[in-house]
Amino acid sequence: MLTIEKIKKKFEYIKSDEMEFYGGEWEHELQKTRAELFFNAENKVLFPEQIDSLNWMNEHYSMLAKEAGDYIDIEIRKSGKVNAHKVYNATIEFDIITVSLPNKEYDIEINCSKSIGNFFRKEIFYTVMLIKDKKILSIEKNWID
């Protein structure tokens, strides 16, 4: 389990003119790959609410992955893609997770994907899921049909 102290020790702190954050990798036992994990920060300060949000996401990974995967499947079905059956069977992956500062429009942004194909030709279907107060605010596709 991550704590504020562990994040400050293990994650890289980055500050630019537009933003500042701690960045590192996220692992979950139900996911094959690692995701990039970012905690927005303010003057190097992280908040307990951010840790609570991440812990909630970890506990509810299966439900969130199912929601994102189902959303991709529905959008693929609507688009009439030929390889839709392959997408249905593909595994959803969390690619980039951003934990926002408290009292912003969302608590967590999760960029998810399903991919089909092989090394030479791969199709990737991305979604962006926003979570606020332990509820999914929205899921939107991020690919062109």
C-alpha atoms as a PDB file:
ATOM      1  CA  MET A   1       0.000   0.000   0.000  1.00  0.00           C
ATOM      2  CA  LEU A   2       1.303   3.407  -0.926  1.00  0.00           C
ATOM      3  CA  THR A   3       1.654   6.154   1.634  1.00  0.00           C
ATOM      4  CA  ILE A   4       2.576   9.794   1.195  1.00  0.00           C
ATOM      5  CA  GLU A   5       6.047   9.016   2.528  1.00  0.00           C
ATOM      6  CA  LYS A   6       6.571   6.125   0.079  1.00  0.00           C
ATOM      7  CA  ILE A   7       5.414   8.243  -2.850  1.00  0.00           C
ATOM      8  CA  LYS A   8       7.807  11.058  -1.953  1.00  0.00           C
ATOM      9  CA  LYS A   9      10.644   8.542  -1.595  1.00  0.00           C
ATOM     10  CA  LYS A  10      10.026   6.290  -4.622  1.00  0.00           C
ATOM     11  CA  PHE A  11       8.364   8.574  -7.155  1.00  0.00           C
ATOM     12  CA  GLU A  12      10.017  11.272  -9.225  1.00  0.00           C
ATOM     13  CA  TYR A  13       8.936  14.835  -8.496  1.00  0.00           C
ATOM     14  CA  ILE A  14       8.449  16.958 -11.607  1.00  0.00           C
ATOM     15  CA  LYS A  15       7.580  20.643 -11.771  1.00  0.00           C
ATOM     16  CA  SER A  16       6.884  22.682 -14.886  1.00  0.00           C
ATOM     17  CA  ASP A  17       5.302  26.067 -15.532  1.00  0.00           C
ATOM     18  CA  GLU A  18       1.868  24.440 -15.877  1.00  0.00           C
ATOM     19  CA  MET A  19       1.887  21.692 -13.254  1.00  0.00           C
ATOM     20  CA  GLU A  20       3.709  19.693 -10.643  1.00  0.00           C
ATOM     21  CA  PHE A  21       3.369  16.035  -9.782  1.00  0.00           C
ATOM     22  CA  TYR A  22       4.979  12.876  -8.493  1.00  0.00           C
ATOM     23  CA  GLY A  23       5.285  10.183 -11.156  1.00  0.00           C
ATOM     24  CA  GLY A  24       6.000   6.492 -10.909  1.00  0.00           C
ATOM     25  CA  GLU A  25       4.655   3.052 -11.784  1.00  0.00           C
ATOM     26  CA  TRP A  26       1.556   1.258 -10.559  1.00  0.00           C
ATOM     27  CA  GLU A  27       1.096  -2.486 -10.344  1.00  0.00           C
ATOM     28  CA  HIS A  28      -1.987  -4.548  -9.631  1.00  0.00           C
ATOM     29  CA  GLU A  29      -2.096  -8.311  -9.249  1.00  0.00           C
ATOM     30  CA  LEU A  30      -4.982  -8.562 -11.756  1.00  0.00           C
ATOM     31  CA  GLN A  31      -3.192  -6.572 -14.455  1.00  0.00           C
ATOM     32  CA  LYS A  32      -0.378  -7.956 -16.623  1.00  0.00           C
ATOM     33  CA  THR A  33       1.382  -4.667 -17.292  1.00  0.00           C
ATOM     34  CA  ARG A  34       2.418  -1.721 -15.179  1.00  0.00           C
ATOM     35  CA  ALA A  35       0.714   1.629 -15.544  1.00  0.00           C
ATOM     36  CA  GLU A  36       2.126   5.099 -15.194  1.00  0.00           C
ATOM     37  CA  LEU A  37       0.851   6.702 -11.990  1.00  0.00           C
ATOM     38  CA  PHE A  38       0.830  10.437 -11.346  1.00  0.00           C
ATOM     39  CA  PHE A  39      -0.149  12.334  -8.219  1.00  0.00           C
ATOM     40  CA  ASN A  40      -0.795  16.009  -8.827  1.00  0.00           C
ATOM     41  CA  ALA A  41       0.989  18.020  -6.142  1.00  0.00           C
ATOM     42  CA  GLU A  42       1.027  21.533  -4.790  1.00  0.00           C
ATOM     43  CA  ASN A  43       4.426  22.790  -3.572  1.00  0.00           C
ATOM     44  CA  LYS A  44       5.495  19.137  -3.175  1.00  0.00           C
ATOM     45  CA  VAL A  45       2.482  18.532  -0.907  1.00  0.00           C
ATOM     46  CA  LEU A  46       0.343  15.418  -1.276  1.00  0.00           C
ATOM     47  CA  PHE A  47      -2.967  14.977   0.541  1.00  0.00           C
ATOM     48  CA  PRO A  48      -4.443  11.993   2.405  1.00  0.00           C
ATOM     49  CA  GLU A  49      -7.521  12.210   0.154  1.00  0.00           C
ATOM     50  CA  GLN A  50      -5.311  11.337  -2.822  1.00  0.00           C
ATOM     51  CA  ILE A  51      -4.096   8.184  -1.099  1.00  0.00           C
ATOM     52  CA  ASP A  52      -7.684   7.311  -0.138  1.00  0.00           C
ATOM     53  CA  SER A  53      -8.754   7.709  -3.786  1.00  0.00           C
ATOM     54  CA  LEU A  54      -5.972   5.440  -5.026  1.00  0.00           C
ATOM     55  CA  ASN A  55      -6.706   2.834  -2.354  1.00  0.00           C
ATOM     56  CA  TRP A  56     -10.389   2.876  -3.323  1.00  0.00           C
ATOM     57  CA  MET A  57      -9.433   2.413  -6.990  1.00  0.00           C
ATOM     58  CA  ASN A  58      -7.176  -0.525  -6.077  1.00  0.00           C
ATOM     59  CA  GLU A  59      -9.955  -2.170  -4.058  1.00  0.00           C
ATOM     60  CA  HIS A  60     -12.450  -1.688  -6.895  1.00  0.00           C
ATOM     61  CA  TYR A  61     -10.106  -2.505  -9.773  1.00  0.00           C
ATOM     62  CA  SER A  62     -12.249  -5.399 -11.067  1.00  0.00           C
ATOM     63  CA  MET A  63     -15.425  -3.334 -11.178  1.00  0.00           C
ATOM     64  CA  LEU A  64     -13.692  -0.367 -12.824  1.00  0.00           C
ATOM     65  CA  ALA A  65     -11.947  -2.594 -15.387  1.00  0.00           C
ATOM     66  CA  LYS A  66     -15.254  -4.287 -16.224  1.00  0.00           C
ATOM     67  CA  GLU A  67     -17.017  -0.944 -16.692  1.00  0.00           C
ATOM     68  CA  ALA A  68     -14.267   0.361 -18.987  1.00  0.00           C
ATOM     69  CA  GLY A  69     -14.072  -2.926 -20.921  1.00  0.00           C
ATOM     70  CA  ASP A  70     -17.851  -3.072 -21.360  1.00  0.00           C
ATOM     71  CA  TYR A  71     -17.843   0.522 -22.596  1.00  0.00           C
ATOM     72  CA  ILE A  72     -15.222  -0.289 -25.242  1.00  0.00           C
ATOM     73  CA  ASP A  73     -17.180  -3.388 -26.308  1.00  0.00           C
ATOM     74  CA  ILE A  74     -20.396  -1.365 -26.724  1.00  0.00           C
ATOM     75  CA  GLU A  75     -18.627   1.345 -28.738  1.00  0.00           C
ATOM     76  CA  ILE A  76     -16.989  -1.266 -30.983  1.00  0.00           C
ATOM     77  CA  ARG A  77     -20.347  -2.981 -31.503  1.00  0.00           C
ATOM     78  CA  LYS A  78     -21.926   0.357 -32.476  1.00  0.00           C
ATOM     79  CA  SER A  79     -19.117   1.073 -34.943  1.00  0.00           C
ATOM     80  CA  GLY A  80     -19.581  -2.262 -36.739  1.00  0.00           C
ATOM     81  CA  LYS A  81     -15.874  -3.120 -36.708  1.00  0.00           C
ATOM     82  CA  VAL A  82     -15.098  -6.462 -38.333  1.00  0.00           C
ATOM     83  CA  ASN A  83     -12.790  -7.648 -35.538  1.00  0.00           C
ATOM     84  CA  ALA A  84     -15.273  -6.811 -32.783  1.00  0.00           C
ATOM     85  CA  HIS A  85     -15.204 -10.365 -31.404  1.00  0.00           C
ATOM     86  CA  LYS A  86     -11.439 -10.088 -30.902  1.00  0.00           C
ATOM     87  CA  VAL A  87     -11.875  -6.838 -28.969  1.00  0.00           C
ATOM     88  CA  TYR A  88     -14.516  -8.436 -26.724  1.00  0.00           C
ATOM     89  CA  ASN A  89     -11.994 -11.121 -25.748  1.00  0.00           C
ATOM     90  CA  ALA A  90      -9.093  -8.699 -25.232  1.00  0.00           C
ATOM     91  CA  THR A  91      -7.994  -7.766 -21.730  1.00  0.00           C
ATOM     92  CA  ILE A  92      -8.525  -4.240 -20.483  1.00  0.00           C
ATOM     93  CA  GLU A  93      -5.398  -2.500 -19.189  1.00  0.00           C
ATOM     94  CA  PHE A  94      -5.040   0.621 -17.079  1.00  0.00           C
ATOM     95  CA  ASP A  95      -2.290   2.585 -18.856  1.00  0.00           C
ATOM     96  CA  ILE A  96      -2.112   5.982 -17.140  1.00  0.00           C
ATOM     97  CA  ILE A  97      -3.620   6.904 -13.779  1.00  0.00           C
ATOM     98  CA  THR A  98      -3.709  10.488 -12.546  1.00  0.00           C
ATOM     99  CA  VAL A  99      -4.759  11.271  -8.988  1.00  0.00           C
ATOM    100  CA  SER A 100      -5.954  14.850  -8.780  1.00  0.00           C
ATOM    101  CA  LEU A 101      -5.639  17.321  -5.943  1.00  0.00           C
ATOM    102  CA  PRO A 102      -8.627  17.397  -3.559  1.00  0.00           C
ATOM    103  CA  ASN A 103     -11.693  19.472  -4.479  1.00  0.00           C
ATOM    104  CA  LYS A 104     -11.103  19.374  -8.224  1.00  0.00           C
ATOM    105  CA  GLU A 105     -13.608  18.290 -10.887  1.00  0.00           C
ATOM    106  CA  TYR A 106     -12.485  14.649 -10.550  1.00  0.00           C
ATOM    107  CA  ASP A 107     -10.454  12.573  -8.090  1.00  0.00           C
ATOM    108  CA  ILE A 108      -8.934  10.068 -10.512  1.00  0.00           C
ATOM    109  CA  GLU A 109      -8.493   9.911 -14.268  1.00  0.00           C
ATOM    110  CA  ILE A 110      -7.810   6.447 -15.668  1.00  0.00           C
ATOM    111  CA  ASN A 111      -6.681   6.009 -19.265  1.00  0.00           C
ATOM    112  CA  CYS A 112      -7.538   2.419 -20.215  1.00  0.00           C
ATOM    113  CA  SER A 113      -7.091   0.381 -23.369  1.00  0.00           C
ATOM    114  CA  LYS A 114      -7.858  -2.866 -25.117  1.00  0.00           C
ATOM    115  CA  SER A 115      -5.626  -3.952 -27.973  1.00  0.00           C
ATOM    116  CA  ILE A 116      -5.847  -6.557 -30.689  1.00  0.00           C
ATOM    117  CA  GLY A 117      -3.392  -7.685 -33.314  1.00  0.00           C
ATOM    118  CA  ASN A 118       0.259  -8.528 -33.189  1.00  0.00           C
ATOM    119  CA  PHE A 119       3.655  -6.873 -33.151  1.00  0.00           C
ATOM    120  CA  PHE A 120       3.386  -5.751 -36.798  1.00  0.00           C
ATOM    121  CA  ARG A 121      -0.189  -4.495 -36.799  1.00  0.00           C
ATOM    122  CA  LYS A 122      -1.976  -3.554 -33.631  1.00  0.00           C
ATOM    123  CA  GLU A 123      -5.243  -1.738 -33.042  1.00  0.00           C
ATOM    124  CA  ILE A 124      -5.622  -0.056 -29.684  1.00  0.00           C
ATOM    125  CA  PHE A 125      -8.899   1.249 -28.312  1.00  0.00           C
ATOM    126  CA  TYR A 126      -8.496   3.833 -25.552  1.00  0.00           C
ATOM    127  CA  THR A 127     -10.975   5.218 -23.041  1.00  0.00           C
ATOM    128  CA  VAL A 128     -10.742   7.866 -20.379  1.00  0.00           C
ATOM    129  CA  MET A 129     -12.621   7.242 -17.131  1.00  0.00           C
ATOM    130  CA  LEU A 130     -13.173  10.016 -14.590  1.00  0.00           C
ATOM    131  CA  ILE A 131     -13.995   9.190 -10.966  1.00  0.00           C
ATOM    132  CA  LYS A 132     -15.284  11.585  -8.322  1.00  0.00           C
ATOM    133  CA  ASP A 133     -16.407  10.728  -4.789  1.00  0.00           C
ATOM    134  CA  LYS A 134     -16.014   6.982  -5.488  1.00  0.00           C
ATOM    135  CA  LYS A 135     -18.380   7.137  -8.464  1.00  0.00           C
ATOM    136  CA  ILE A 136     -17.673   6.959 -12.179  1.00  0.00           C
ATOM    137  CA  LEU A 137     -18.450  10.396 -13.588  1.00  0.00           C
ATOM    138  CA  SER A 138     -17.841   9.508 -17.211  1.00  0.00           C
ATOM    139  CA  ILE A 139     -16.208   7.121 -19.633  1.00  0.00           C
ATOM    140  CA  GLU A 140     -15.350   8.418 -23.076  1.00  0.00           C
ATOM    141  CA  LYS A 141     -13.785   6.753 -26.063  1.00  0.00           C
ATOM    142  CA  ASN A 142     -10.516   8.150 -27.289  1.00  0.00           C
ATOM    143  CA  TRP A 143     -10.154   6.660 -30.777  1.00  0.00           C
ATOM    144  CA  ILE A 144     -11.385   7.415 -34.266  1.00  0.00           C
ATOM    145  CA  ASP A 145     -13.748   4.892 -35.926  1.00  0.00           C
END
